PDB file of all heavy atoms in Angstrom:
ATOM      1  N   ALA A   1      87.156 204.044  83.591  1.00  0.00           N
ATOM      2  CA  ALA A   1      85.730 204.227  83.894  1.00  0.00           C
ATOM      3  C   ALA A   1      85.279 203.222  84.953  1.00  0.00           C
ATOM      4  O   ALA A   1      84.563 203.571  85.906  1.00  0.00           O
ATOM      5  CB  ALA A   1      84.905 204.072  82.618  1.00  0.00           C
ATOM      6  N   ALA A   2      85.710 201.980  84.828  1.00  0.00           N
ATOM      7  CA  ALA A   2      85.334 200.954  85.806  1.00  0.00           C
ATOM      8  C   ALA A   2      85.899 201.265  87.194  1.00  0.00           C
ATOM      9  O   ALA A   2      85.194 201.130  88.202  1.00  0.00           O
ATOM     10  CB  ALA A   2      85.821 199.584  85.342  1.00  0.00           C
ATOM     11  N   ALA A   3      87.154 201.692  87.261  1.00  0.00           N
ATOM     12  CA  ALA A   3      87.768 202.018  88.549  1.00  0.00           C
ATOM     13  C   ALA A   3      87.025 203.153  89.234  1.00  0.00           C
ATOM     14  O   ALA A   3      86.786 203.123  90.442  1.00  0.00           O
ATOM     15  CB  ALA A   3      89.241 202.370  88.351  1.00  0.00           C
ATOM     16  N   ASN A   4      86.651 204.156  88.465  1.00  0.00           N
ATOM     17  CA  ASN A   4      85.945 205.295  89.035  1.00  0.00           C
ATOM     18  C   ASN A   4      84.511 204.932  89.424  1.00  0.00           C
ATOM     19  O   ASN A   4      83.994 205.445  90.437  1.00  0.00           O
ATOM     20  CB  ASN A   4      85.990 206.485  88.085  1.00  0.00           C
ATOM     21  CG  ASN A   4      87.369 207.122  88.113  1.00  0.00           C
ATOM     22  OD1 ASN A   4      87.742 207.744  89.089  1.00  0.00           O
ATOM     23  ND2 ASN A   4      88.139 206.927  87.058  1.00  0.00           N
ATOM     24  N   ALA A   5      83.869 204.071  88.679  1.00  0.00           N
ATOM     25  CA  ALA A   5      82.534 203.598  89.068  1.00  0.00           C
ATOM     26  C   ALA A   5      82.618 202.857  90.389  1.00  0.00           C
ATOM     27  O   ALA A   5      81.724 202.975  91.245  1.00  0.00           O
ATOM     28  CB  ALA A   5      81.941 202.710  87.977  1.00  0.00           C
ATOM     29  N   PHE A   6      83.688 202.121  90.597  1.00  0.00           N
ATOM     30  CA  PHE A   6      83.892 201.433  91.895  1.00  0.00           C
ATOM     31  C   PHE A   6      83.972 202.457  93.020  1.00  0.00           C
ATOM     32  O   PHE A   6      83.369 202.273  94.080  1.00  0.00           O
ATOM     33  CB  PHE A   6      85.154 200.565  91.851  1.00  0.00           C
ATOM     34  CG  PHE A   6      85.444 199.922  93.183  1.00  0.00           C
ATOM     35  CD1 PHE A   6      84.826 198.729  93.533  1.00  0.00           C
ATOM     36  CD2 PHE A   6      86.285 200.517  94.106  1.00  0.00           C
ATOM     37  CE1 PHE A   6      85.064 198.137  94.773  1.00  0.00           C
ATOM     38  CE2 PHE A   6      86.528 199.947  95.344  1.00  0.00           C
ATOM     39  CZ  PHE A   6      85.916 198.763  95.679  1.00  0.00           C
ATOM     40  N   LEU A   7      84.729 203.546  92.798  1.00  0.00           N
ATOM     41  CA  LEU A   7      84.858 204.571  93.832  1.00  0.00           C
ATOM     42  C   LEU A   7      83.490 205.181  94.164  1.00  0.00           C
ATOM     43  O   LEU A   7      83.183 205.395  95.342  1.00  0.00           O
ATOM     44  CB  LEU A   7      85.807 205.681  93.390  1.00  0.00           C
ATOM     45  CG  LEU A   7      87.266 205.299  93.158  1.00  0.00           C
ATOM     46  CD1 LEU A   7      88.085 206.543  92.831  1.00  0.00           C
ATOM     47  CD2 LEU A   7      87.849 204.561  94.333  1.00  0.00           C
ATOM     48  N   ASP A   8      82.696 205.444  93.149  1.00  0.00           N
ATOM     49  CA  ASP A   8      81.358 206.005  93.374  1.00  0.00           C
ATOM     50  C   ASP A   8      80.513 205.038  94.217  1.00  0.00           C
ATOM     51  O   ASP A   8      79.821 205.452  95.141  1.00  0.00           O
ATOM     52  CB  ASP A   8      80.664 206.297  92.038  1.00  0.00           C
ATOM     53  CG  ASP A   8      81.370 207.379  91.245  1.00  0.00           C
ATOM     54  OD1 ASP A   8      82.254 208.072  91.784  1.00  0.00           O
ATOM     55  OD2 ASP A   8      81.040 207.518  90.042  1.00  0.00           O
ATOM     56  N   GLY A   9      80.579 203.754  93.885  1.00  0.00           N
ATOM     57  CA  GLY A   9      79.829 202.746  94.629  1.00  0.00           C
ATOM     58  C   GLY A   9      80.326 202.605  96.054  1.00  0.00           C
ATOM     59  O   GLY A   9      79.542 202.438  96.996  1.00  0.00           O
ATOM     60  N   LEU A  10      81.646 202.670  96.244  1.00  0.00           N
ATOM     61  CA  LEU A  10      82.224 202.577  97.583  1.00  0.00           C
ATOM     62  C   LEU A  10      81.744 203.739  98.452  1.00  0.00           C
ATOM     63  O   LEU A  10      81.362 203.542  99.608  1.00  0.00           O
ATOM     64  CB  LEU A  10      83.759 202.555  97.506  1.00  0.00           C
ATOM     65  CG  LEU A  10      84.514 202.540  98.836  1.00  0.00           C
ATOM     66  CD1 LEU A  10      84.182 201.298  99.651  1.00  0.00           C
ATOM     67  CD2 LEU A  10      86.008 202.641  98.584  1.00  0.00           C
ATOM     68  N   ALA A  11      81.738 204.933  97.898  1.00  0.00           N
ATOM     69  CA  ALA A  11      81.269 206.086  98.665  1.00  0.00           C
ATOM     70  C   ALA A  11      79.799 205.940  99.020  1.00  0.00           C
ATOM     71  O   ALA A  11      79.393 206.220 100.157  1.00  0.00           O
ATOM     72  CB  ALA A  11      81.504 207.372  97.862  1.00  0.00           C
ATOM     73  N   ALA A  12      78.996 205.464  98.086  1.00  0.00           N
ATOM     74  CA  ALA A  12      77.566 205.268  98.357  1.00  0.00           C
ATOM     75  C   ALA A  12      77.362 204.223  99.449  1.00  0.00           C
ATOM     76  O   ALA A  12      76.525 204.410 100.345  1.00  0.00           O
ATOM     77  CB  ALA A  12      76.838 204.851  97.079  1.00  0.00           C
ATOM     78  N   ARG A  13      78.119 203.153  99.408  1.00  0.00           N
ATOM     79  CA  ARG A  13      78.003 202.118 100.437  1.00  0.00           C
ATOM     80  C   ARG A  13      78.391 202.641 101.806  1.00  0.00           C
ATOM     81  O   ARG A  13      77.707 202.404 102.807  1.00  0.00           O
ATOM     82  CB  ARG A  13      78.859 200.892 100.086  1.00  0.00           C
ATOM     83  CG  ARG A  13      78.628 199.732 101.085  1.00  0.00           C
ATOM     84  CD  ARG A  13      79.550 198.590 100.871  1.00  0.00           C
ATOM     85  NE  ARG A  13      80.829 198.965 101.480  1.00  0.00           N
ATOM     86  CZ  ARG A  13      81.975 198.327 101.259  1.00  0.00           C
ATOM     87  NH1 ARG A  13      82.033 197.341 100.441  1.00  0.00           N
ATOM     88  NH2 ARG A  13      83.075 198.718 101.858  1.00  0.00           N
ATOM     89  N   ARG A  14      79.496 203.375 101.874  1.00  0.00           N
ATOM     90  CA  ARG A  14      79.928 203.946 103.153  1.00  0.00           C
ATOM     91  C   ARG A  14      78.841 204.857 103.719  1.00  0.00           C
ATOM     92  O   ARG A  14      78.528 204.785 104.906  1.00  0.00           O
ATOM     93  CB  ARG A  14      81.249 204.711 103.008  1.00  0.00           C
ATOM     94  CG  ARG A  14      82.485 203.805 102.922  1.00  0.00           C
ATOM     95  CD  ARG A  14      83.756 204.626 102.847  1.00  0.00           C
ATOM     96  NE  ARG A  14      83.932 205.489 104.002  1.00  0.00           N
ATOM     97  CZ  ARG A  14      84.590 205.156 105.133  1.00  0.00           C
ATOM     98  NH1 ARG A  14      85.152 203.958 105.223  1.00  0.00           N
ATOM     99  NH2 ARG A  14      84.699 206.008 106.124  1.00  0.00           N
ATOM    100  N   ARG A  15      78.289 205.720 102.877  1.00  0.00           N
ATOM    101  CA  ARG A  15      77.241 206.637 103.364  1.00  0.00           C
ATOM    102  C   ARG A  15      76.020 205.860 103.850  1.00  0.00           C
ATOM    103  O   ARG A  15      75.435 206.199 104.879  1.00  0.00           O
ATOM    104  CB  ARG A  15      76.848 207.615 102.260  1.00  0.00           C
ATOM    105  CG  ARG A  15      77.858 208.726 102.033  1.00  0.00           C
ATOM    106  CD  ARG A  15      77.318 209.842 101.155  1.00  0.00           C
ATOM    107  NE  ARG A  15      76.733 209.372  99.929  1.00  0.00           N
ATOM    108  CZ  ARG A  15      77.388 209.143  98.790  1.00  0.00           C
ATOM    109  NH1 ARG A  15      78.694 209.332  98.744  1.00  0.00           N
ATOM    110  NH2 ARG A  15      76.758 208.741  97.719  1.00  0.00           N
ATOM    111  N   ALA A  16      75.654 204.807 103.133  1.00  0.00           N
ATOM    112  CA  ALA A  16      74.501 203.985 103.534  1.00  0.00           C
ATOM    113  C   ALA A  16      74.753 203.315 104.888  1.00  0.00           C
ATOM    114  O   ALA A  16      73.815 203.030 105.630  1.00  0.00           O
ATOM    115  CB  ALA A  16      74.195 202.932 102.470  1.00  0.00           C
ATOM    116  N   GLN A  17      76.019 203.097 105.211  1.00  0.00           N
ATOM    117  CA  GLN A  17      76.403 202.490 106.481  1.00  0.00           C
ATOM    118  C   GLN A  17      76.661 203.525 107.575  1.00  0.00           C
ATOM    119  O   GLN A  17      77.129 203.201 108.649  1.00  0.00           O
ATOM    120  CB  GLN A  17      77.627 201.604 106.294  1.00  0.00           C
ATOM    121  CG  GLN A  17      77.368 200.426 105.382  1.00  0.00           C
ATOM    122  CD  GLN A  17      78.639 199.662 105.015  1.00  0.00           C
ATOM    123  OE1 GLN A  17      79.743 200.205 105.060  1.00  0.00           O
ATOM    124  NE2 GLN A  17      78.461 198.423 104.623  1.00  0.00           N
ATOM    125  N   GLY A  18      76.362 204.792 107.278  1.00  0.00           N
ATOM    126  CA  GLY A  18      76.536 205.856 108.256  1.00  0.00           C
ATOM    127  C   GLY A  18      77.966 206.347 108.401  1.00  0.00           C
ATOM    128  O   GLY A  18      78.290 207.012 109.381  1.00  0.00           O
ATOM    129  N   LEU A  19      78.810 206.008 107.450  1.00  0.00           N
ATOM    130  CA  LEU A  19      80.208 206.434 107.483  1.00  0.00           C
ATOM    131  C   LEU A  19      80.407 207.620 106.557  1.00  0.00           C
ATOM    132  O   LEU A  19      79.712 207.744 105.542  1.00  0.00           O
ATOM    133  CB  LEU A  19      81.122 205.280 107.043  1.00  0.00           C
ATOM    134  CG  LEU A  19      81.087 204.034 107.915  1.00  0.00           C
ATOM    135  CD1 LEU A  19      81.827 202.887 107.231  1.00  0.00           C
ATOM    136  CD2 LEU A  19      81.684 204.339 109.274  1.00  0.00           C
ATOM    137  N   PRO A  20      81.367 208.481 106.848  1.00  0.00           N
ATOM    138  CA  PRO A  20      81.611 209.611 105.965  1.00  0.00           C
ATOM    139  C   PRO A  20      82.180 209.140 104.626  1.00  0.00           C
ATOM    140  O   PRO A  20      82.998 208.218 104.600  1.00  0.00           O
ATOM    141  CB  PRO A  20      82.627 210.461 106.724  1.00  0.00           C
ATOM    142  CG  PRO A  20      83.324 209.516 107.645  1.00  0.00           C
ATOM    143  CD  PRO A  20      82.297 208.456 107.986  1.00  0.00           C
ATOM    144  N   ALA A  21      81.729 209.756 103.559  1.00  0.00           N
ATOM    145  CA  ALA A  21      82.268 209.444 102.238  1.00  0.00           C
ATOM    146  C   ALA A  21      81.706 210.378 101.195  1.00  0.00           C
ATOM    147  O   ALA A  21      80.527 210.735 101.239  1.00  0.00           O
ATOM    148  CB  ALA A  21      81.967 208.001 101.838  1.00  0.00           C
ATOM    149  N   VAL A  22      82.553 210.741 100.268  1.00  0.00           N
ATOM    150  CA  VAL A  22      82.132 211.467  99.083  1.00  0.00           C
ATOM    151  C   VAL A  22      83.079 211.088  97.955  1.00  0.00           C
ATOM    152  O   VAL A  22      84.282 210.933  98.165  1.00  0.00           O
ATOM    153  CB  VAL A  22      82.126 213.007  99.302  1.00  0.00           C
ATOM    154  CG1 VAL A  22      83.504 213.544  99.580  1.00  0.00           C
ATOM    155  CG2 VAL A  22      81.496 213.718  98.120  1.00  0.00           C
ATOM    156  N   ALA A  23      82.510 210.883  96.788  1.00  0.00           N
ATOM    157  CA  ALA A  23      83.302 210.657  95.584  1.00  0.00           C
ATOM    158  C   ALA A  23      83.085 211.871  94.685  1.00  0.00           C
ATOM    159  O   ALA A  23      81.957 212.165  94.304  1.00  0.00           O
ATOM    160  CB  ALA A  23      82.876 209.374  94.871  1.00  0.00           C
ATOM    161  N   VAL A  24      84.153 212.593  94.409  1.00  0.00           N
ATOM    162  CA  VAL A  24      84.071 213.795  93.600  1.00  0.00           C
ATOM    163  C   VAL A  24      84.376 213.412  92.152  1.00  0.00           C
ATOM    164  O   VAL A  24      85.487 213.012  91.844  1.00  0.00           O
ATOM    165  CB  VAL A  24      85.069 214.860  94.104  1.00  0.00           C
ATOM    166  CG1 VAL A  24      84.961 216.137  93.283  1.00  0.00           C
ATOM    167  CG2 VAL A  24      84.855 215.149  95.578  1.00  0.00           C
ATOM    168  N   GLY A  25      83.353 213.496  91.296  1.00  0.00           N
ATOM    169  CA  GLY A  25      83.503 213.105  89.882  1.00  0.00           C
ATOM    170  C   GLY A  25      84.064 214.238  89.041  1.00  0.00           C
ATOM    171  O   GLY A  25      83.317 214.998  88.434  1.00  0.00           O
ATOM    172  N   TRP A  26      85.374 214.340  89.013  1.00  0.00           N
ATOM    173  CA  TRP A  26      86.053 215.396  88.267  1.00  0.00           C
ATOM    174  C   TRP A  26      85.918 215.172  86.769  1.00  0.00           C
ATOM    175  O   TRP A  26      85.876 214.041  86.296  1.00  0.00           O
ATOM    176  CB  TRP A  26      87.546 215.419  88.604  1.00  0.00           C
ATOM    177  CG  TRP A  26      87.842 215.762  90.024  1.00  0.00           C
ATOM    178  CD1 TRP A  26      88.057 214.876  91.038  1.00  0.00           C
ATOM    179  CD2 TRP A  26      87.938 217.054  90.593  1.00  0.00           C
ATOM    180  NE1 TRP A  26      88.284 215.545  92.211  1.00  0.00           N
ATOM    181  CE2 TRP A  26      88.215 216.902  91.971  1.00  0.00           C
ATOM    182  CE3 TRP A  26      87.815 218.353  90.090  1.00  0.00           C
ATOM    183  CZ2 TRP A  26      88.396 217.977  92.825  1.00  0.00           C
ATOM    184  CZ3 TRP A  26      87.984 219.417  90.952  1.00  0.00           C
ATOM    185  CH2 TRP A  26      88.263 219.223  92.300  1.00  0.00           C
ATOM    186  N   GLY A  27      85.955 216.259  86.024  1.00  0.00           N
ATOM    187  CA  GLY A  27      86.094 216.213  84.577  1.00  0.00           C
ATOM    188  C   GLY A  27      87.566 216.375  84.246  1.00  0.00           C
ATOM    189  O   GLY A  27      88.434 216.272  85.112  1.00  0.00           O
ATOM    190  N   LEU A  28      87.852 216.663  82.985  1.00  0.00           N
ATOM    191  CA  LEU A  28      89.236 216.848  82.557  1.00  0.00           C
ATOM    192  C   LEU A  28      89.821 218.078  83.221  1.00  0.00           C
ATOM    193  O   LEU A  28      89.226 219.152  83.197  1.00  0.00           O
ATOM    194  CB  LEU A  28      89.287 217.006  81.028  1.00  0.00           C
ATOM    195  CG  LEU A  28      90.679 217.167  80.415  1.00  0.00           C
ATOM    196  CD1 LEU A  28      91.510 215.914  80.673  1.00  0.00           C
ATOM    197  CD2 LEU A  28      90.562 217.448  78.929  1.00  0.00           C
ATOM    198  N   TRP A  29      90.974 217.918  83.847  1.00  0.00           N
ATOM    199  CA  TRP A  29      91.657 219.031  84.490  1.00  0.00           C
ATOM    200  C   TRP A  29      92.388 219.819  83.427  1.00  0.00           C
ATOM    201  O   TRP A  29      92.794 219.278  82.391  1.00  0.00           O
ATOM    202  CB  TRP A  29      92.657 218.525  85.515  1.00  0.00           C
ATOM    203  CG  TRP A  29      92.032 217.893  86.720  1.00  0.00           C
ATOM    204  CD1 TRP A  29      90.793 217.333  86.809  1.00  0.00           C
ATOM    205  CD2 TRP A  29      92.612 217.762  88.005  1.00  0.00           C
ATOM    206  NE1 TRP A  29      90.577 216.848  88.065  1.00  0.00           N
ATOM    207  CE2 TRP A  29      91.680 217.094  88.818  1.00  0.00           C
ATOM    208  CE3 TRP A  29      93.825 218.116  88.542  1.00  0.00           C
ATOM    209  CZ2 TRP A  29      91.932 216.799  90.148  1.00  0.00           C
ATOM    210  CZ3 TRP A  29      94.077 217.811  89.861  1.00  0.00           C
ATOM    211  CH2 TRP A  29      93.137 217.174  90.656  1.00  0.00           C
ATOM    212  N   GLY A  30      92.616 221.077  83.680  1.00  0.00           N
ATOM    213  CA  GLY A  30      93.355 221.917  82.744  1.00  0.00           C
ATOM    214  C   GLY A  30      94.800 221.511  82.647  1.00  0.00           C
ATOM    215  O   GLY A  30      95.315 220.778  83.480  1.00  0.00           O
ATOM    216  N   GLY A  31      95.443 221.975  81.625  1.00  0.00           N
ATOM    217  CA  GLY A  31      96.862 221.697  81.458  1.00  0.00           C
ATOM    218  C   GLY A  31      97.108 220.554  80.502  1.00  0.00           C
ATOM    219  O   GLY A  31      96.183 219.882  80.039  1.00  0.00           O
ATOM    220  N   THR A  32      98.377 220.353  80.200  1.00  0.00           N
ATOM    221  CA  THR A  32      98.757 219.331  79.237  1.00  0.00           C
ATOM    222  C   THR A  32      99.763 218.352  79.826  1.00  0.00           C
ATOM    223  O   THR A  32     100.451 217.666  79.093  1.00  0.00           O
ATOM    224  CB  THR A  32      99.345 219.980  77.964  1.00  0.00           C
ATOM    225  OG1 THR A  32     100.484 220.752  78.353  1.00  0.00           O
ATOM    226  CG2 THR A  32      98.326 220.828  77.255  1.00  0.00           C
ATOM    227  N   GLU A  33      99.842 218.297  81.155  1.00  0.00           N
ATOM    228  CA  GLU A  33     100.774 217.386  81.793  1.00  0.00           C
ATOM    229  C   GLU A  33     100.035 216.225  82.403  1.00  0.00           C
ATOM    230  O   GLU A  33      98.815 216.256  82.575  1.00  0.00           O
ATOM    231  CB  GLU A  33     101.574 218.125  82.858  1.00  0.00           C
ATOM    232  CG  GLU A  33     102.453 219.233  82.282  1.00  0.00           C
ATOM    233  CD  GLU A  33     103.235 219.966  83.361  1.00  0.00           C
ATOM    234  OE1 GLU A  33     103.332 219.455  84.486  1.00  0.00           O
ATOM    235  OE2 GLU A  33     103.750 221.036  83.047  1.00  0.00           O
ATOM    236  N   GLY A  34     100.749 215.198  82.795  1.00  0.00           N
ATOM    237  CA  GLY A  34     100.156 214.065  83.501  1.00  0.00           C
ATOM    238  C   GLY A  34      99.065 213.391  82.700  1.00  0.00           C
ATOM    239  O   GLY A  34      99.184 213.151  81.509  1.00  0.00           O
ATOM    240  N   MET A  35      97.958 213.086  83.362  1.00  0.00           N
ATOM    241  CA  MET A  35      96.869 212.353  82.739  1.00  0.00           C
ATOM    242  C   MET A  35      96.226 213.138  81.590  1.00  0.00           C
ATOM    243  O   MET A  35      95.771 212.557  80.627  1.00  0.00           O
ATOM    244  CB  MET A  35      95.816 211.983  83.777  1.00  0.00           C
ATOM    245  CG  MET A  35      96.328 210.982  84.794  1.00  0.00           C
ATOM    246  SD  MET A  35      95.164 210.689  86.129  1.00  0.00           S
ATOM    247  CE  MET A  35      93.803 209.983  85.259  1.00  0.00           C
ATOM    248  N   ALA A  36      96.172 214.454  81.705  1.00  0.00           N
ATOM    249  CA  ALA A  36      95.533 215.272  80.673  1.00  0.00           C
ATOM    250  C   ALA A  36      96.264 215.138  79.351  1.00  0.00           C
ATOM    251  O   ALA A  36      95.638 215.166  78.282  1.00  0.00           O
ATOM    252  CB  ALA A  36      95.489 216.740  81.102  1.00  0.00           C
TER     253      ALA A  36
END
């Protein structure tokens, strides 16, 4: 949660500085492999 909150903040800072950025807040992906 902390790592992803950092990404959201980084994207917001970049946009505020006129740089391209988007943080896509995904939910749980389908499937039963990997992180899921």
